[in-house]
């Protein structure tokens, strides 16, 4: 499989993960602060970031890395609050 097909596949999987996360929260099957939602956001964003780095789309890379960072922050904050 050539690099373009590989990174296109990575990008599509990332996009699907983000859309699934959004659909599950919108349909109230997941809470917006749940670990499952945030893990879908992290994985989807990192996969899309890999795709956008490959294609040189750095503004999209920036957004996706920030998106993943927010999700990581949410998970660590939630764990810290629940351990009190």
PDB file of N, CA and C in Angstrom:
ATOM      1  N   UNK A   1       0.860  -1.174   0.000  1.00  0.00           N
ATOM      2  CA  UNK A   1       0.000   0.000   0.000  1.00  0.00           C
ATOM      3  C   UNK A   1       0.906   1.238   0.000  1.00  0.00           C
ATOM      4  N   UNK A   2       0.651   2.176  -0.904  1.00  0.00           N
ATOM      5  CA  UNK A   2       1.506   3.368  -0.953  1.00  0.00           C
ATOM      6  C   UNK A   2       1.143   4.348   0.167  1.00  0.00           C
ATOM      7  N   UNK A   3       2.009   5.323   0.389  1.00  0.00           N
ATOM      8  CA  UNK A   3       1.857   6.260   1.506  1.00  0.00           C
ATOM      9  C   UNK A   3       0.563   7.058   1.438  1.00  0.00           C
ATOM     10  N   UNK A   4       0.170   7.465   0.234  1.00  0.00           N
ATOM     11  CA  UNK A   4      -1.059   8.260   0.116  1.00  0.00           C
ATOM     12  C   UNK A   4      -2.277   7.460   0.553  1.00  0.00           C
ATOM     13  N   UNK A   5      -2.373   6.231   0.143  1.00  0.00           N
ATOM     14  CA  UNK A   5      -3.520   5.394   0.533  1.00  0.00           C
ATOM     15  C   UNK A   5      -3.503   5.177   2.044  1.00  0.00           C
ATOM     16  N   UNK A   6      -2.319   4.916   2.582  1.00  0.00           N
ATOM     17  CA  UNK A   6      -2.173   4.688   4.025  1.00  0.00           C
ATOM     18  C   UNK A   6      -2.628   5.914   4.818  1.00  0.00           C
ATOM     19  N   UNK A   7      -2.153   7.090   4.468  1.00  0.00           N
ATOM     20  CA  UNK A   7      -2.519   8.298   5.214  1.00  0.00           C
ATOM     21  C   UNK A   7      -3.956   8.739   4.935  1.00  0.00           C
ATOM     22  N   UNK A   8      -4.479   8.448   3.759  1.00  0.00           N
ATOM     23  CA  UNK A   8      -5.905   8.698   3.512  1.00  0.00           C
ATOM     24  C   UNK A   8      -6.758   7.817   4.422  1.00  0.00           C
ATOM     25  N   UNK A   9      -6.380   6.559   4.550  1.00  0.00           N
ATOM     26  CA  UNK A   9      -7.116   5.638   5.420  1.00  0.00           C
ATOM     27  C   UNK A   9      -7.053   6.101   6.868  1.00  0.00           C
ATOM     28  N   UNK A  10      -5.867   6.501   7.318  1.00  0.00           N
ATOM     29  CA  UNK A  10      -5.708   7.023   8.681  1.00  0.00           C
ATOM     30  C   UNK A  10      -6.619   8.234   8.893  1.00  0.00           C
ATOM     31  N   UNK A  11      -6.654   9.133   7.930  1.00  0.00           N
ATOM     32  CA  UNK A  11      -7.500  10.323   8.034  1.00  0.00           C
ATOM     33  C   UNK A  11      -8.976   9.987   8.093  1.00  0.00           C
ATOM     34  N   UNK A  12      -9.407   9.048   7.253  1.00  0.00           N
ATOM     35  CA  UNK A  12     -10.818   8.663   7.263  1.00  0.00           C
ATOM     36  C   UNK A  12     -11.210   7.989   8.570  1.00  0.00           C
ATOM     37  N   UNK A  13     -10.351   7.141   9.106  1.00  0.00           N
ATOM     38  CA  UNK A  13     -10.641   6.490  10.393  1.00  0.00           C
ATOM     39  C   UNK A  13     -10.748   7.551  11.491  1.00  0.00           C
ATOM     40  N   UNK A  14      -9.849   8.526  11.470  1.00  0.00           N
ATOM     41  CA  UNK A  14      -9.920   9.615  12.441  1.00  0.00           C
ATOM     42  C   UNK A  14     -11.207  10.413  12.322  1.00  0.00           C
ATOM     43  N   UNK A  15     -11.591  10.728  11.097  1.00  0.00           N
ATOM     44  CA  UNK A  15     -12.831  11.484  10.879  1.00  0.00           C
ATOM     45  C   UNK A  15     -14.040  10.701  11.380  1.00  0.00           C
ATOM     46  N   UNK A  16     -14.066   9.407  11.108  1.00  0.00           N
ATOM     47  CA  UNK A  16     -15.182   8.566  11.568  1.00  0.00           C
ATOM     48  C   UNK A  16     -15.223   8.515  13.095  1.00  0.00           C
ATOM     49  N   UNK A  17     -14.063   8.412  13.745  1.00  0.00           N
ATOM     50  CA  UNK A  17     -14.024   8.390  15.212  1.00  0.00           C
ATOM     51  C   UNK A  17     -14.611   9.675  15.795  1.00  0.00           C
ATOM     52  N   UNK A  18     -14.248  10.823  15.221  1.00  0.00           N
ATOM     53  CA  UNK A  18     -14.794  12.090  15.713  1.00  0.00           C
ATOM     54  C   UNK A  18     -16.297  12.196  15.467  1.00  0.00           C
ATOM     55  N   UNK A  19     -16.738  11.734  14.313  1.00  0.00           N
ATOM     56  CA  UNK A  19     -18.174  11.783  14.017  1.00  0.00           C
ATOM     57  C   UNK A  19     -18.971  10.842  14.914  1.00  0.00           C
ATOM     58  N   UNK A  20     -18.420   9.670  15.197  1.00  0.00           N
ATOM     59  CA  UNK A  20     -19.087   8.739  16.114  1.00  0.00           C
ATOM     60  C   UNK A  20     -19.190   9.362  17.500  1.00  0.00           C
ATOM     61  N   UNK A  21     -18.101   9.981  17.964  1.00  0.00           N
ATOM     62  CA  UNK A  21     -18.117  10.636  19.274  1.00  0.00           C
ATOM     63  C   UNK A  21     -19.207  11.705  19.323  1.00  0.00           C
ATOM     64  N   UNK A  22     -19.253  12.531  18.301  1.00  0.00           N
ATOM     65  CA  UNK A  22     -20.252  13.604  18.257  1.00  0.00           C
ATOM     66  C   UNK A  22     -21.675  13.038  18.203  1.00  0.00           C
ATOM     67  N   UNK A  23     -21.871  12.005  17.391  1.00  0.00           N
ATOM     68  CA  UNK A  23     -23.202  11.403  17.282  1.00  0.00           C
ATOM     69  C   UNK A  23     -23.639  10.774  18.607  1.00  0.00           C
ATOM     70  N   UNK A  24     -22.723  10.121  19.304  1.00  0.00           N
ATOM     71  CA  UNK A  24     -23.075   9.483  20.579  1.00  0.00           C
ATOM     72  C   UNK A  24     -23.415  10.508  21.653  1.00  0.00           C
ATOM     73  N   UNK A  25     -22.722  11.628  21.670  1.00  0.00           N
ATOM     74  CA  UNK A  25     -23.054  12.684  22.637  1.00  0.00           C
ATOM     75  C   UNK A  25     -24.365  13.356  22.239  1.00  0.00           C
ATOM     76  N   UNK A  26     -24.533  13.610  20.961  1.00  0.00           N
ATOM     77  CA  UNK A  26     -25.761  14.268  20.497  1.00  0.00           C
ATOM     78  C   UNK A  26     -26.996  13.420  20.736  1.00  0.00           C
ATOM     79  N   UNK A  27     -26.843  12.110  20.669  1.00  0.00           N
ATOM     80  CA  UNK A  27     -27.978  11.210  20.904  1.00  0.00           C
ATOM     81  C   UNK A  27     -28.095  10.808  22.374  1.00  0.00           C
ATOM     82  N   UNK A  28     -27.270  11.421  23.215  1.00  0.00           N
ATOM     83  CA  UNK A  28     -27.266  11.203  24.662  1.00  0.00           C
ATOM     84  C   UNK A  28     -26.913   9.766  25.049  1.00  0.00           C
ATOM     85  N   UNK A  29     -26.134   9.091  24.197  1.00  0.00           N
ATOM     86  CA  UNK A  29     -25.649   7.748  24.542  1.00  0.00           C
ATOM     87  C   UNK A  29     -24.326   7.823  25.296  1.00  0.00           C
ATOM     88  N   UNK A  30     -23.661   8.961  25.201  1.00  0.00           N
ATOM     89  CA  UNK A  30     -22.436   9.236  25.957  1.00  0.00           C
ATOM     90  C   UNK A  30     -22.549  10.628  26.546  1.00  0.00           C
ATOM     91  N   UNK A  31     -21.895  10.813  27.683  1.00  0.00           N
ATOM     92  CA  UNK A  31     -21.795  12.143  28.285  1.00  0.00           C
ATOM     93  C   UNK A  31     -20.581  12.855  27.687  1.00  0.00           C
ATOM     94  N   UNK A  32     -20.668  14.152  27.559  1.00  0.00           N
ATOM     95  CA  UNK A  32     -19.583  14.929  26.977  1.00  0.00           C
ATOM     96  C   UNK A  32     -18.292  14.887  27.760  1.00  0.00           C
ATOM     97  N   UNK A  33     -18.366  14.554  29.040  1.00  0.00           N
ATOM     98  CA  UNK A  33     -17.139  14.469  29.829  1.00  0.00           C
ATOM     99  C   UNK A  33     -16.730  13.021  30.108  1.00  0.00           C
ATOM    100  N   UNK A  34     -17.354  12.066  29.424  1.00  0.00           N
ATOM    101  CA  UNK A  34     -17.022  10.655  29.663  1.00  0.00           C
ATOM    102  C   UNK A  34     -15.664  10.303  29.061  1.00  0.00           C
ATOM    103  N   UNK A  35     -15.031   9.315  29.655  1.00  0.00           N
ATOM    104  CA  UNK A  35     -13.731   8.858  29.156  1.00  0.00           C
ATOM    105  C   UNK A  35     -13.860   8.308  27.730  1.00  0.00           C
ATOM    106  N   UNK A  36     -14.944   7.611  27.440  1.00  0.00           N
ATOM    107  CA  UNK A  36     -15.134   7.044  26.098  1.00  0.00           C
ATOM    108  C   UNK A  36     -15.196   8.150  25.042  1.00  0.00           C
ATOM    109  N   UNK A  37     -15.942   9.200  25.335  1.00  0.00           N
ATOM    110  CA  UNK A  37     -16.043  10.322  24.402  1.00  0.00           C
ATOM    111  C   UNK A  37     -14.681  10.970  24.192  1.00  0.00           C
ATOM    112  N   UNK A  38     -13.976  11.205  25.287  1.00  0.00           N
ATOM    113  CA  UNK A  38     -12.681  11.870  25.185  1.00  0.00           C
ATOM    114  C   UNK A  38     -11.646  10.983  24.481  1.00  0.00           C
ATOM    115  N   UNK A  39     -11.690   9.672  24.695  1.00  0.00           N
ATOM    116  CA  UNK A  39     -10.763   8.774  24.006  1.00  0.00           C
ATOM    117  C   UNK A  39     -11.044   8.730  22.507  1.00  0.00           C
ATOM    118  N   UNK A  40     -12.319   8.775  22.130  1.00  0.00           N
ATOM    119  CA  UNK A  40     -12.651   8.872  20.701  1.00  0.00           C
ATOM    120  C   UNK A  40     -12.119  10.180  20.123  1.00  0.00           C
ATOM    121  N   UNK A  41     -12.225  11.264  20.886  1.00  0.00           N
ATOM    122  CA  UNK A  41     -11.699  12.550  20.435  1.00  0.00           C
ATOM    123  C   UNK A  41     -10.177  12.510  20.289  1.00  0.00           C
ATOM    124  N   UNK A  42      -9.500  11.933  21.269  1.00  0.00           N
ATOM    125  CA  UNK A  42      -8.038  11.857  21.199  1.00  0.00           C
ATOM    126  C   UNK A  42      -7.601  11.031  20.001  1.00  0.00           C
ATOM    127  N   UNK A  43      -8.165   9.841  19.856  1.00  0.00           N
ATOM    128  CA  UNK A  43      -7.736   8.962  18.758  1.00  0.00           C
ATOM    129  C   UNK A  43      -8.082   9.570  17.402  1.00  0.00           C
ATOM    130  N   UNK A  44      -9.286  10.092  17.262  1.00  0.00           N
ATOM    131  CA  UNK A  44      -9.685  10.697  15.998  1.00  0.00           C
ATOM    132  C   UNK A  44      -8.830  11.896  15.636  1.00  0.00           C
ATOM    133  N   UNK A  45      -8.564  12.739  16.610  1.00  0.00           N
ATOM    134  CA  UNK A  45      -7.763  13.938  16.360  1.00  0.00           C
ATOM    135  C   UNK A  45      -6.327  13.590  15.996  1.00  0.00           C
ATOM    136  N   UNK A  46      -5.742  12.631  16.683  1.00  0.00           N
ATOM    137  CA  UNK A  46      -4.356  12.255  16.376  1.00  0.00           C
ATOM    138  C   UNK A  46      -4.248  11.609  14.995  1.00  0.00           C
ATOM    139  N   UNK A  47      -5.240  10.805  14.644  1.00  0.00           N
ATOM    140  CA  UNK A  47      -5.221  10.202  13.302  1.00  0.00           C
ATOM    141  C   UNK A  47      -5.375  11.272  12.220  1.00  0.00           C
ATOM    142  N   UNK A  48      -6.283  12.206  12.438  1.00  0.00           N
ATOM    143  CA  UNK A  48      -6.428  13.301  11.478  1.00  0.00           C
ATOM    144  C   UNK A  48      -5.187  14.182  11.442  1.00  0.00           C
ATOM    145  N   UNK A  49      -4.543  14.384  12.585  1.00  0.00           N
ATOM    146  CA  UNK A  49      -3.313  15.174  12.609  1.00  0.00           C
ATOM    147  C   UNK A  49      -2.230  14.495  11.778  1.00  0.00           C
ATOM    148  N   UNK A  50      -2.114  13.172  11.884  1.00  0.00           N
ATOM    149  CA  UNK A  50      -1.131  12.449  11.065  1.00  0.00           C
ATOM    150  C   UNK A  50      -1.410  12.665   9.582  1.00  0.00           C
ATOM    151  N   UNK A  51      -2.674  12.604   9.215  1.00  0.00           N
ATOM    152  CA  UNK A  51      -3.066  12.818   7.822  1.00  0.00           C
ATOM    153  C   UNK A  51      -2.722  14.232   7.365  1.00  0.00           C
ATOM    154  N   UNK A  52      -3.031  15.217   8.185  1.00  0.00           N
ATOM    155  CA  UNK A  52      -2.800  16.600   7.771  1.00  0.00           C
ATOM    156  C   UNK A  52      -1.317  16.957   7.759  1.00  0.00           C
ATOM    157  N   UNK A  53      -0.524  16.350   8.636  1.00  0.00           N
ATOM    158  CA  UNK A  53       0.926  16.553   8.587  1.00  0.00           C
ATOM    159  C   UNK A  53       1.469  15.997   7.273  1.00  0.00           C
ATOM    160  N   UNK A  54       1.014  14.808   6.902  1.00  0.00           N
ATOM    161  CA  UNK A  54       1.474  14.177   5.665  1.00  0.00           C
ATOM    162  C   UNK A  54       1.199  15.076   4.461  1.00  0.00           C
ATOM    163  N   UNK A  55       0.017  15.693   4.443  1.00  0.00           N
ATOM    164  CA  UNK A  55      -0.367  16.533   3.306  1.00  0.00           C
ATOM    165  C   UNK A  55       0.043  17.999   3.473  1.00  0.00           C
ATOM    166  N   UNK A  56       0.687  18.335   4.575  1.00  0.00           N
ATOM    167  CA  UNK A  56       1.167  19.693   4.776  1.00  0.00           C
ATOM    168  C   UNK A  56       0.084  20.705   5.094  1.00  0.00           C
ATOM    169  N   UNK A  57      -1.015  20.252   5.638  1.00  0.00           N
ATOM    170  CA  UNK A  57      -2.114  21.138   6.000  1.00  0.00           C
ATOM    171  C   UNK A  57      -1.972  21.520   7.474  1.00  0.00           C
ATOM    172  N   UNK A  58      -1.054  22.436   7.736  1.00  0.00           N
ATOM    173  CA  UNK A  58      -0.669  22.724   9.110  1.00  0.00           C
ATOM    174  C   UNK A  58      -1.733  23.427   9.945  1.00  0.00           C
ATOM    175  N   UNK A  59      -2.591  24.266   9.385  1.00  0.00           N
ATOM    176  CA  UNK A  59      -3.671  24.802  10.222  1.00  0.00           C
ATOM    177  C   UNK A  59      -4.597  23.687  10.749  1.00  0.00           C
ATOM    178  N   UNK A  60      -4.899  22.707   9.915  1.00  0.00           N
ATOM    179  CA  UNK A  60      -5.717  21.579  10.364  1.00  0.00           C
ATOM    180  C   UNK A  60      -4.968  20.728  11.381  1.00  0.00           C
ATOM    181  N   UNK A  61      -3.664  20.584  11.176  1.00  0.00           N
ATOM    182  CA  UNK A  61      -2.846  19.859  12.154  1.00  0.00           C
ATOM    183  C   UNK A  61      -2.933  20.546  13.509  1.00  0.00           C
ATOM    184  N   UNK A  62      -2.785  21.856  13.505  1.00  0.00           N
ATOM    185  CA  UNK A  62      -2.853  22.635  14.742  1.00  0.00           C
ATOM    186  C   UNK A  62      -4.185  22.406  15.457  1.00  0.00           C
ATOM    187  N   UNK A  63      -5.282  22.528  14.737  1.00  0.00           N
ATOM    188  CA  UNK A  63      -6.610  22.346  15.334  1.00  0.00           C
ATOM    189  C   UNK A  63      -6.752  20.936  15.923  1.00  0.00           C
ATOM    190  N   UNK A  64      -6.309  19.939  15.182  1.00  0.00           N
ATOM    191  CA  UNK A  64      -6.457  18.564  15.664  1.00  0.00           C
ATOM    192  C   UNK A  64      -5.583  18.276  16.874  1.00  0.00           C
ATOM    193  N   UNK A  65      -4.388  18.829  16.926  1.00  0.00           N
ATOM    194  CA  UNK A  65      -3.537  18.627  18.098  1.00  0.00           C
ATOM    195  C   UNK A  65      -4.103  19.343  19.323  1.00  0.00           C
ATOM    196  N   UNK A  66      -4.658  20.537  19.126  1.00  0.00           N
ATOM    197  CA  UNK A  66      -5.315  21.233  20.234  1.00  0.00           C
ATOM    198  C   UNK A  66      -6.545  20.453  20.690  1.00  0.00           C
ATOM    199  N   UNK A  67      -7.314  19.925  19.746  1.00  0.00           N
ATOM    200  CA  UNK A  67      -8.504  19.119  20.056  1.00  0.00           C
ATOM    201  C   UNK A  67      -8.108  17.928  20.929  1.00  0.00           C
ATOM    202  N   UNK A  68      -7.049  17.233  20.539  1.00  0.00           N
ATOM    203  CA  UNK A  68      -6.563  16.090  21.321  1.00  0.00           C
ATOM    204  C   UNK A  68      -6.084  16.554  22.694  1.00  0.00           C
ATOM    205  N   UNK A  69      -5.399  17.685  22.745  1.00  0.00           N
ATOM    206  CA  UNK A  69      -4.918  18.206  24.022  1.00  0.00           C
ATOM    207  C   UNK A  69      -6.052  18.540  24.979  1.00  0.00           C
ATOM    208  N   UNK A  70      -7.113  19.105  24.459  1.00  0.00           N
ATOM    209  CA  UNK A  70      -8.282  19.412  25.294  1.00  0.00           C
ATOM    210  C   UNK A  70      -8.869  18.118  25.854  1.00  0.00           C
ATOM    211  N   UNK A  71      -8.944  17.092  25.036  1.00  0.00           N
ATOM    212  CA  UNK A  71      -9.477  15.806  25.497  1.00  0.00           C
ATOM    213  C   UNK A  71      -8.579  15.191  26.571  1.00  0.00           C
ATOM    214  N   UNK A  72      -7.264  15.266  26.381  1.00  0.00           N
ATOM    215  CA  UNK A  72      -6.338  14.752  27.396  1.00  0.00           C
ATOM    216  C   UNK A  72      -6.509  15.535  28.692  1.00  0.00           C
ATOM    217  N   UNK A  73      -6.593  16.850  28.594  1.00  0.00           N
ATOM    218  CA  UNK A  73      -6.817  17.689  29.774  1.00  0.00           C
ATOM    219  C   UNK A  73      -8.108  17.295  30.481  1.00  0.00           C
ATOM    220  N   UNK A  74      -9.167  17.065  29.731  1.00  0.00           N
ATOM    221  CA  UNK A  74     -10.455  16.691  30.309  1.00  0.00           C
ATOM    222  C   UNK A  74     -10.362  15.370  31.070  1.00  0.00           C
ATOM    223  N   UNK A  75      -9.675  14.399  30.482  1.00  0.00           N
ATOM    224  CA  UNK A  75      -9.535  13.097  31.152  1.00  0.00           C
ATOM    225  C   UNK A  75      -8.710  13.234  32.423  1.00  0.00           C
ATOM    226  N   UNK A  76      -7.586  13.927  32.365  1.00  0.00           N
ATOM    227  CA  UNK A  76      -6.742  14.060  33.559  1.00  0.00           C
ATOM    228  C   UNK A  76      -7.437  14.874  34.638  1.00  0.00           C
ATOM    229  N   UNK A  77      -8.158  15.903  34.245  1.00  0.00           N
ATOM    230  CA  UNK A  77      -8.906  16.707  35.211  1.00  0.00           C
ATOM    231  C   UNK A  77     -10.002  15.886  35.864  1.00  0.00           C
ATOM    232  N   UNK A  78     -10.693  15.083  35.074  1.00  0.00           N
ATOM    233  CA  UNK A  78     -11.763  14.239  35.610  1.00  0.00           C
ATOM    234  C   UNK A  78     -11.212  13.219  36.602  1.00  0.00           C
ATOM    235  N   UNK A  79     -10.076  12.609  36.249  1.00  0.00           N
ATOM    236  CA  UNK A  79      -9.456  11.630  37.165  1.00  0.00           C
ATOM    237  C   UNK A  79      -8.993  12.299  38.443  1.00  0.00           C
ATOM    238  N   UNK A  80      -8.430  13.484  38.325  1.00  0.00           N
ATOM    239  CA  UNK A  80      -7.962  14.191  39.509  1.00  0.00           C
ATOM    240  C   UNK A  80      -9.127  14.537  40.423  1.00  0.00           C
ATOM    241  N   UNK A  81     -10.242  14.982  39.849  1.00  0.00           N
ATOM    242  CA  UNK A  81     -11.402  15.341  40.664  1.00  0.00           C
ATOM    243  C   UNK A  81     -12.055  14.121  41.304  1.00  0.00           C
ATOM    244  N   UNK A  82     -12.059  12.994  40.598  1.00  0.00           N
ATOM    245  CA  UNK A  82     -12.696  11.793  41.151  1.00  0.00           C
ATOM    246  C   UNK A  82     -11.839  11.118  42.212  1.00  0.00           C
ATOM    247  N   UNK A  83     -10.547  11.417  42.251  1.00  0.00           N
ATOM    248  CA  UNK A  83      -9.680  10.795  43.259  1.00  0.00           C
ATOM    249  C   UNK A  83      -9.676  11.551  44.578  1.00  0.00           C
ATOM    250  N   UNK A  84     -10.356  12.678  44.627  1.00  0.00           N
ATOM    251  CA  UNK A  84     -10.417  13.474  45.874  1.00  0.00           C
ATOM    252  C   UNK A  84     -11.356  12.882  46.860  1.00  0.00           C
TER     253      UNK A  84
END
